[in-house]
Amino acid sequence: MPKLPVVSGAEVVRALERLGFGVARQRGSHIVMRRGSMGCVVPNHRELKVGTLAGLLKQAGVSLEEFLDALDA
């Protein structure tokens, strides 16, 4: 299994949008994204910690492989 990359909040938002998520709302630096009944909160920071990204993907129900493919697209 590949390691989680170090990415910014904006890159995560872009990758999730490619996977069908949409921005539901934003308050400060936290962006709430939804796809159907699944949702996640993305902190819009310059660099996300690996644990934060792992929790975010788990919350969204997205596998690491799906995310990496969307990130590269």
PDB file of N, CA and C in Angstrom:
ATOM      1  N   MET A   1       0.837  -1.174   0.000  1.00  0.00           N
ATOM      2  CA  MET A   1       0.000   0.000   0.000  1.00  0.00           C
ATOM      3  C   MET A   1       0.884   1.241   0.000  1.00  0.00           C
ATOM      4  N   PRO A   2       0.603   2.202  -0.914  1.00  0.00           N
ATOM      5  CA  PRO A   2       1.444   3.393  -0.991  1.00  0.00           C
ATOM      6  C   PRO A   2       1.262   4.300   0.225  1.00  0.00           C
ATOM      7  N   LYS A   3       2.276   5.094   0.480  1.00  0.00           N
ATOM      8  CA  LYS A   3       2.219   6.024   1.605  1.00  0.00           C
ATOM      9  C   LYS A   3       1.361   7.229   1.235  1.00  0.00           C
ATOM     10  N   LEU A   4       0.831   7.872   2.252  1.00  0.00           N
ATOM     11  CA  LEU A   4       0.046   9.075   2.030  1.00  0.00           C
ATOM     12  C   LEU A   4       0.968  10.233   1.647  1.00  0.00           C
ATOM     13  N   PRO A   5       0.594  11.003   0.635  1.00  0.00           N
ATOM     14  CA  PRO A   5       1.434  12.136   0.239  1.00  0.00           C
ATOM     15  C   PRO A   5       1.194  13.343   1.146  1.00  0.00           C
ATOM     16  N   VAL A   6       2.116  14.268   1.134  1.00  0.00           N
ATOM     17  CA  VAL A   6       1.940  15.539   1.838  1.00  0.00           C
ATOM     18  C   VAL A   6       1.343  16.499   0.829  1.00  0.00           C
ATOM     19  N   VAL A   7       0.105  16.916   1.078  1.00  0.00           N
ATOM     20  CA  VAL A   7      -0.621  17.779   0.145  1.00  0.00           C
ATOM     21  C   VAL A   7      -1.240  18.944   0.896  1.00  0.00           C
ATOM     22  N   SER A   8      -1.673  19.946   0.140  1.00  0.00           N
ATOM     23  CA  SER A   8      -2.343  21.091   0.745  1.00  0.00           C
ATOM     24  C   SER A   8      -3.854  20.850   0.774  1.00  0.00           C
ATOM     25  N   GLY A   9      -4.555  21.677   1.522  1.00  0.00           N
ATOM     26  CA  GLY A   9      -6.007  21.567   1.583  1.00  0.00           C
ATOM     27  C   GLY A   9      -6.652  21.816   0.234  1.00  0.00           C
ATOM     28  N   ALA A  10      -6.106  22.747  -0.539  1.00  0.00           N
ATOM     29  CA  ALA A  10      -6.657  23.058  -1.862  1.00  0.00           C
ATOM     30  C   ALA A  10      -6.510  21.867  -2.803  1.00  0.00           C
ATOM     31  N   GLU A  11      -5.398  21.143  -2.714  1.00  0.00           N
ATOM     32  CA  GLU A  11      -5.200  19.960  -3.552  1.00  0.00           C
ATOM     33  C   GLU A  11      -6.189  18.862  -3.181  1.00  0.00           C
ATOM     34  N   VAL A  12      -6.470  18.715  -1.890  1.00  0.00           N
ATOM     35  CA  VAL A  12      -7.440  17.710  -1.441  1.00  0.00           C
ATOM     36  C   VAL A  12      -8.831  18.063  -1.954  1.00  0.00           C
ATOM     37  N   VAL A  13      -9.201  19.342  -1.878  1.00  0.00           N
ATOM     38  CA  VAL A  13     -10.508  19.781  -2.362  1.00  0.00           C
ATOM     39  C   VAL A  13     -10.633  19.483  -3.853  1.00  0.00           C
ATOM     40  N   ARG A  14      -9.588  19.770  -4.630  1.00  0.00           N
ATOM     41  CA  ARG A  14      -9.603  19.530  -6.064  1.00  0.00           C
ATOM     42  C   ARG A  14      -9.765  18.035  -6.368  1.00  0.00           C
ATOM     43  N   ALA A  15      -9.041  17.189  -5.640  1.00  0.00           N
ATOM     44  CA  ALA A  15      -9.127  15.745  -5.862  1.00  0.00           C
ATOM     45  C   ALA A  15     -10.510  15.221  -5.489  1.00  0.00           C
ATOM     46  N   LEU A  16     -11.071  15.694  -4.385  1.00  0.00           N
ATOM     47  CA  LEU A  16     -12.404  15.238  -3.974  1.00  0.00           C
ATOM     48  C   LEU A  16     -13.472  15.706  -4.960  1.00  0.00           C
ATOM     49  N   GLU A  17     -13.295  16.888  -5.534  1.00  0.00           N
ATOM     50  CA  GLU A  17     -14.256  17.357  -6.539  1.00  0.00           C
ATOM     51  C   GLU A  17     -14.226  16.458  -7.768  1.00  0.00           C
ATOM     52  N   ARG A  18     -13.052  15.948  -8.129  1.00  0.00           N
ATOM     53  CA  ARG A  18     -12.946  15.008  -9.252  1.00  0.00           C
ATOM     54  C   ARG A  18     -13.643  13.687  -8.935  1.00  0.00           C
ATOM     55  N   LEU A  19     -13.759  13.370  -7.638  1.00  0.00           N
ATOM     56  CA  LEU A  19     -14.425  12.129  -7.214  1.00  0.00           C
ATOM     57  C   LEU A  19     -15.924  12.321  -6.994  1.00  0.00           C
ATOM     58  N   GLY A  20     -16.451  13.500  -7.296  1.00  0.00           N
ATOM     59  CA  GLY A  20     -17.886  13.723  -7.205  1.00  0.00           C
ATOM     60  C   GLY A  20     -18.352  14.482  -5.982  1.00  0.00           C
ATOM     61  N   PHE A  21     -17.442  14.916  -5.137  1.00  0.00           N
ATOM     62  CA  PHE A  21     -17.806  15.706  -3.969  1.00  0.00           C
ATOM     63  C   PHE A  21     -18.012  17.156  -4.389  1.00  0.00           C
ATOM     64  N   GLY A  22     -18.841  17.851  -3.636  1.00  0.00           N
ATOM     65  CA  GLY A  22     -19.056  19.278  -3.870  1.00  0.00           C
ATOM     66  C   GLY A  22     -18.895  20.038  -2.577  1.00  0.00           C
ATOM     67  N   VAL A  23     -18.540  21.307  -2.690  1.00  0.00           N
ATOM     68  CA  VAL A  23     -18.381  22.137  -1.500  1.00  0.00           C
ATOM     69  C   VAL A  23     -19.765  22.507  -0.991  1.00  0.00           C
ATOM     70  N   ALA A  24     -20.087  22.071   0.224  1.00  0.00           N
ATOM     71  CA  ALA A  24     -21.393  22.368   0.811  1.00  0.00           C
ATOM     72  C   ALA A  24     -21.369  23.733   1.504  1.00  0.00           C
ATOM     73  N   ARG A  25     -20.300  23.981   2.254  1.00  0.00           N
ATOM     74  CA  ARG A  25     -20.169  25.266   2.950  1.00  0.00           C
ATOM     75  C   ARG A  25     -18.745  25.411   3.451  1.00  0.00           C
ATOM     76  N   GLN A  26     -18.439  26.627   3.878  1.00  0.00           N
ATOM     77  CA  GLN A  26     -17.117  26.904   4.430  1.00  0.00           C
ATOM     78  C   GLN A  26     -17.265  27.885   5.578  1.00  0.00           C
ATOM     79  N   ARG A  27     -16.516  27.619   6.640  1.00  0.00           N
ATOM     80  CA  ARG A  27     -16.475  28.553   7.760  1.00  0.00           C
ATOM     81  C   ARG A  27     -15.017  28.698   8.165  1.00  0.00           C
ATOM     82  N   GLY A  28     -14.477  29.853   7.926  1.00  0.00           N
ATOM     83  CA  GLY A  28     -13.060  30.070   8.200  1.00  0.00           C
ATOM     84  C   GLY A  28     -12.220  29.231   7.268  1.00  0.00           C
ATOM     85  N   SER A  29     -11.319  28.433   7.829  1.00  0.00           N
ATOM     86  CA  SER A  29     -10.432  27.625   6.995  1.00  0.00           C
ATOM     87  C   SER A  29     -10.917  26.188   6.855  1.00  0.00           C
ATOM     88  N   HIS A  30     -12.144  25.893   7.274  1.00  0.00           N
ATOM     89  CA  HIS A  30     -12.659  24.530   7.180  1.00  0.00           C
ATOM     90  C   HIS A  30     -13.741  24.453   6.102  1.00  0.00           C
ATOM     91  N   ILE A  31     -13.513  23.566   5.138  1.00  0.00           N
ATOM     92  CA  ILE A  31     -14.426  23.401   4.007  1.00  0.00           C
ATOM     93  C   ILE A  31     -15.171  22.080   4.188  1.00  0.00           C
ATOM     94  N   VAL A  32     -16.488  22.140   4.193  1.00  0.00           N
ATOM     95  CA  VAL A  32     -17.318  20.942   4.328  1.00  0.00           C
ATOM     96  C   VAL A  32     -17.709  20.493   2.930  1.00  0.00           C
ATOM     97  N   MET A  33     -17.350  19.248   2.597  1.00  0.00           N
ATOM     98  CA  MET A  33     -17.649  18.698   1.282  1.00  0.00           C
ATOM     99  C   MET A  33     -18.611  17.523   1.433  1.00  0.00           C
ATOM    100  N   ARG A  34     -19.526  17.376   0.446  1.00  0.00           N
ATOM    101  CA  ARG A  34     -20.517  16.306   0.517  1.00  0.00           C
ATOM    102  C   ARG A  34     -20.647  15.613  -0.834  1.00  0.00           C
ATOM    103  N   ARG A  35     -20.962  14.307  -0.752  1.00  0.00           N
ATOM    104  CA  ARG A  35     -21.327  13.502  -1.927  1.00  0.00           C
ATOM    105  C   ARG A  35     -22.417  12.571  -1.442  1.00  0.00           C
ATOM    106  N   GLY A  36     -23.652  12.903  -1.777  1.00  0.00           N
ATOM    107  CA  GLY A  36     -24.784  12.125  -1.271  1.00  0.00           C
ATOM    108  C   GLY A  36     -24.872  12.273   0.233  1.00  0.00           C
ATOM    109  N   SER A  37     -24.871  11.147   0.938  1.00  0.00           N
ATOM    110  CA  SER A  37     -24.944  11.200   2.398  1.00  0.00           C
ATOM    111  C   SER A  37     -23.562  11.215   3.038  1.00  0.00           C
ATOM    112  N   MET A  38     -22.504  11.040   2.234  1.00  0.00           N
ATOM    113  CA  MET A  38     -21.139  11.057   2.765  1.00  0.00           C
ATOM    114  C   MET A  38     -20.617  12.488   2.768  1.00  0.00           C
ATOM    115  N   GLY A  39     -19.848  12.799   3.772  1.00  0.00           N
ATOM    116  CA  GLY A  39     -19.273  14.131   3.848  1.00  0.00           C
ATOM    117  C   GLY A  39     -17.968  14.117   4.602  1.00  0.00           C
ATOM    118  N   CYS A  40     -17.214  15.188   4.473  1.00  0.00           N
ATOM    119  CA  CYS A  40     -15.953  15.313   5.191  1.00  0.00           C
ATOM    120  C   CYS A  40     -15.611  16.783   5.347  1.00  0.00           C
ATOM    121  N   VAL A  41     -14.745  17.065   6.285  1.00  0.00           N
ATOM    122  CA  VAL A  41     -14.300  18.428   6.551  1.00  0.00           C
ATOM    123  C   VAL A  41     -12.827  18.521   6.181  1.00  0.00           C
ATOM    124  N   VAL A  42     -12.509  19.445   5.278  1.00  0.00           N
ATOM    125  CA  VAL A  42     -11.131  19.627   4.813  1.00  0.00           C
ATOM    126  C   VAL A  42     -10.589  20.933   5.381  1.00  0.00           C
ATOM    127  N   PRO A  43      -9.538  20.868   6.191  1.00  0.00           N
ATOM    128  CA  PRO A  43      -8.910  22.119   6.639  1.00  0.00           C
ATOM    129  C   PRO A  43      -8.111  22.720   5.492  1.00  0.00           C
ATOM    130  N   ASN A  44      -8.361  23.966   5.169  1.00  0.00           N
ATOM    131  CA  ASN A  44      -7.694  24.621   4.048  1.00  0.00           C
ATOM    132  C   ASN A  44      -6.358  25.183   4.514  1.00  0.00           C
ATOM    133  N   HIS A  45      -5.417  24.282   4.781  1.00  0.00           N
ATOM    134  CA  HIS A  45      -4.098  24.667   5.251  1.00  0.00           C
ATOM    135  C   HIS A  45      -3.070  24.454   4.146  1.00  0.00           C
ATOM    136  N   ARG A  46      -1.914  25.041   4.321  1.00  0.00           N
ATOM    137  CA  ARG A  46      -0.854  24.934   3.326  1.00  0.00           C
ATOM    138  C   ARG A  46      -0.347  23.507   3.199  1.00  0.00           C
ATOM    139  N   GLU A  47      -0.316  22.782   4.314  1.00  0.00           N
ATOM    140  CA  GLU A  47       0.179  21.409   4.321  1.00  0.00           C
ATOM    141  C   GLU A  47      -0.615  20.616   5.356  1.00  0.00           C
ATOM    142  N   LEU A  48      -1.236  19.507   4.923  1.00  0.00           N
ATOM    143  CA  LEU A  48      -2.001  18.672   5.841  1.00  0.00           C
ATOM    144  C   LEU A  48      -1.108  17.578   6.406  1.00  0.00           C
ATOM    145  N   LYS A  49      -1.250  17.295   7.680  1.00  0.00           N
ATOM    146  CA  LYS A  49      -0.498  16.207   8.293  1.00  0.00           C
ATOM    147  C   LYS A  49      -1.060  14.882   7.784  1.00  0.00           C
ATOM    148  N   VAL A  50      -0.224  13.867   7.798  1.00  0.00           N
ATOM    149  CA  VAL A  50      -0.586  12.559   7.254  1.00  0.00           C
ATOM    150  C   VAL A  50      -1.782  11.969   8.006  1.00  0.00           C
ATOM    151  N   GLY A  51      -1.812  12.102   9.320  1.00  0.00           N
ATOM    152  CA  GLY A  51      -2.921  11.576  10.112  1.00  0.00           C
ATOM    153  C   GLY A  51      -4.225  12.284   9.818  1.00  0.00           C
ATOM    154  N   THR A  52      -4.151  13.587   9.585  1.00  0.00           N
ATOM    155  CA  THR A  52      -5.338  14.366   9.240  1.00  0.00           C
ATOM    156  C   THR A  52      -5.894  13.908   7.903  1.00  0.00           C
ATOM    157  N   LEU A  53      -5.012  13.704   6.935  1.00  0.00           N
ATOM    158  CA  LEU A  53      -5.443  13.243   5.609  1.00  0.00           C
ATOM    159  C   LEU A  53      -6.049  11.844   5.687  1.00  0.00           C
ATOM    160  N   ALA A  54      -5.450  10.960   6.476  1.00  0.00           N
ATOM    161  CA  ALA A  54      -5.978   9.602   6.628  1.00  0.00           C
ATOM    162  C   ALA A  54      -7.382   9.634   7.235  1.00  0.00           C
ATOM    163  N   GLY A  55      -7.576  10.448   8.257  1.00  0.00           N
ATOM    164  CA  GLY A  55      -8.893  10.565   8.881  1.00  0.00           C
ATOM    165  C   GLY A  55      -9.919  11.164   7.954  1.00  0.00           C
ATOM    166  N   LEU A  56      -9.485  12.124   7.160  1.00  0.00           N
ATOM    167  CA  LEU A  56     -10.368  12.784   6.210  1.00  0.00           C
ATOM    168  C   LEU A  56     -10.844  11.794   5.140  1.00  0.00           C
ATOM    169  N   LEU A  57      -9.941  10.968   4.630  1.00  0.00           N
ATOM    170  CA  LEU A  57     -10.318   9.979   3.616  1.00  0.00           C
ATOM    171  C   LEU A  57     -11.243   8.924   4.199  1.00  0.00           C
ATOM    172  N   LYS A  58     -10.999   8.531   5.437  1.00  0.00           N
ATOM    173  CA  LYS A  58     -11.866   7.554   6.104  1.00  0.00           C
ATOM    174  C   LYS A  58     -13.262   8.138   6.298  1.00  0.00           C
ATOM    175  N   GLN A  59     -13.311   9.401   6.714  1.00  0.00           N
ATOM    176  CA  GLN A  59     -14.586  10.086   6.921  1.00  0.00           C
ATOM    177  C   GLN A  59     -15.363  10.190   5.603  1.00  0.00           C
ATOM    178  N   ALA A  60     -14.655  10.412   4.504  1.00  0.00           N
ATOM    179  CA  ALA A  60     -15.299  10.568   3.199  1.00  0.00           C
ATOM    180  C   ALA A  60     -15.648   9.231   2.559  1.00  0.00           C
ATOM    181  N   GLY A  61     -15.065   8.134   3.043  1.00  0.00           N
ATOM    182  CA  GLY A  61     -15.318   6.836   2.448  1.00  0.00           C
ATOM    183  C   GLY A  61     -14.587   6.644   1.131  1.00  0.00           C
ATOM    184  N   VAL A  62     -13.414   7.253   1.020  1.00  0.00           N
ATOM    185  CA  VAL A  62     -12.614   7.183  -0.204  1.00  0.00           C
ATOM    186  C   VAL A  62     -11.368   6.358   0.081  1.00  0.00           C
ATOM    187  N   SER A  63     -11.055   5.422  -0.815  1.00  0.00           N
ATOM    188  CA  SER A  63      -9.846   4.617  -0.624  1.00  0.00           C
ATOM    189  C   SER A  63      -8.620   5.430  -1.034  1.00  0.00           C
ATOM    190  N   LEU A  64      -7.469   4.992  -0.556  1.00  0.00           N
ATOM    191  CA  LEU A  64      -6.220   5.685  -0.865  1.00  0.00           C
ATOM    192  C   LEU A  64      -5.929   5.642  -2.364  1.00  0.00           C
ATOM    193  N   GLU A  65      -6.198   4.507  -3.009  1.00  0.00           N
ATOM    194  CA  GLU A  65      -5.943   4.373  -4.431  1.00  0.00           C
ATOM    195  C   GLU A  65      -6.824   5.339  -5.241  1.00  0.00           C
ATOM    196  N   GLU A  66      -8.108   5.425  -4.883  1.00  0.00           N
ATOM    197  CA  GLU A  66      -9.013   6.368  -5.544  1.00  0.00           C
ATOM    198  C   GLU A  66      -8.502   7.789  -5.412  1.00  0.00           C
ATOM    199  N   PHE A  67      -8.095   8.140  -4.190  1.00  0.00           N
ATOM    200  CA  PHE A  67      -7.625   9.493  -3.926  1.00  0.00           C
ATOM    201  C   PHE A  67      -6.366   9.807  -4.732  1.00  0.00           C
ATOM    202  N   LEU A  68      -5.416   8.882  -4.758  1.00  0.00           N
ATOM    203  CA  LEU A  68      -4.171   9.115  -5.488  1.00  0.00           C
ATOM    204  C   LEU A  68      -4.421   9.249  -6.982  1.00  0.00           C
ATOM    205  N   ASP A  69      -5.353   8.456  -7.528  1.00  0.00           N
ATOM    206  CA  ASP A  69      -5.701   8.578  -8.942  1.00  0.00           C
ATOM    207  C   ASP A  69      -6.315   9.950  -9.235  1.00  0.00           C
ATOM    208  N   ALA A  70      -7.208  10.423  -8.373  1.00  0.00           N
ATOM    209  CA  ALA A  70      -7.835  11.728  -8.560  1.00  0.00           C
ATOM    210  C   ALA A  70      -6.833  12.856  -8.371  1.00  0.00           C
ATOM    211  N   LEU A  71      -5.870  12.646  -7.510  1.00  0.00           N
ATOM    212  CA  LEU A  71      -4.849  13.660  -7.240  1.00  0.00           C
ATOM    213  C   LEU A  71      -3.953  13.841  -8.459  1.00  0.00           C
ATOM    214  N   ASP A  72      -3.641  12.743  -9.154  1.00  0.00           N
ATOM    215  CA  ASP A  72      -2.765  12.800 -10.327  1.00  0.00           C
ATOM    216  C   ASP A  72      -3.480  13.239 -11.593  1.00  0.00           C
ATOM    217  N   ALA A  73      -4.790  13.098 -11.622  1.00  0.00           N
ATOM    218  CA  ALA A  73      -5.550  13.409 -12.846  1.00  0.00           C
ATOM    219  C   ALA A  73      -5.558  14.887 -13.164  1.00  0.00           C
TER     220      ALA A  73
END
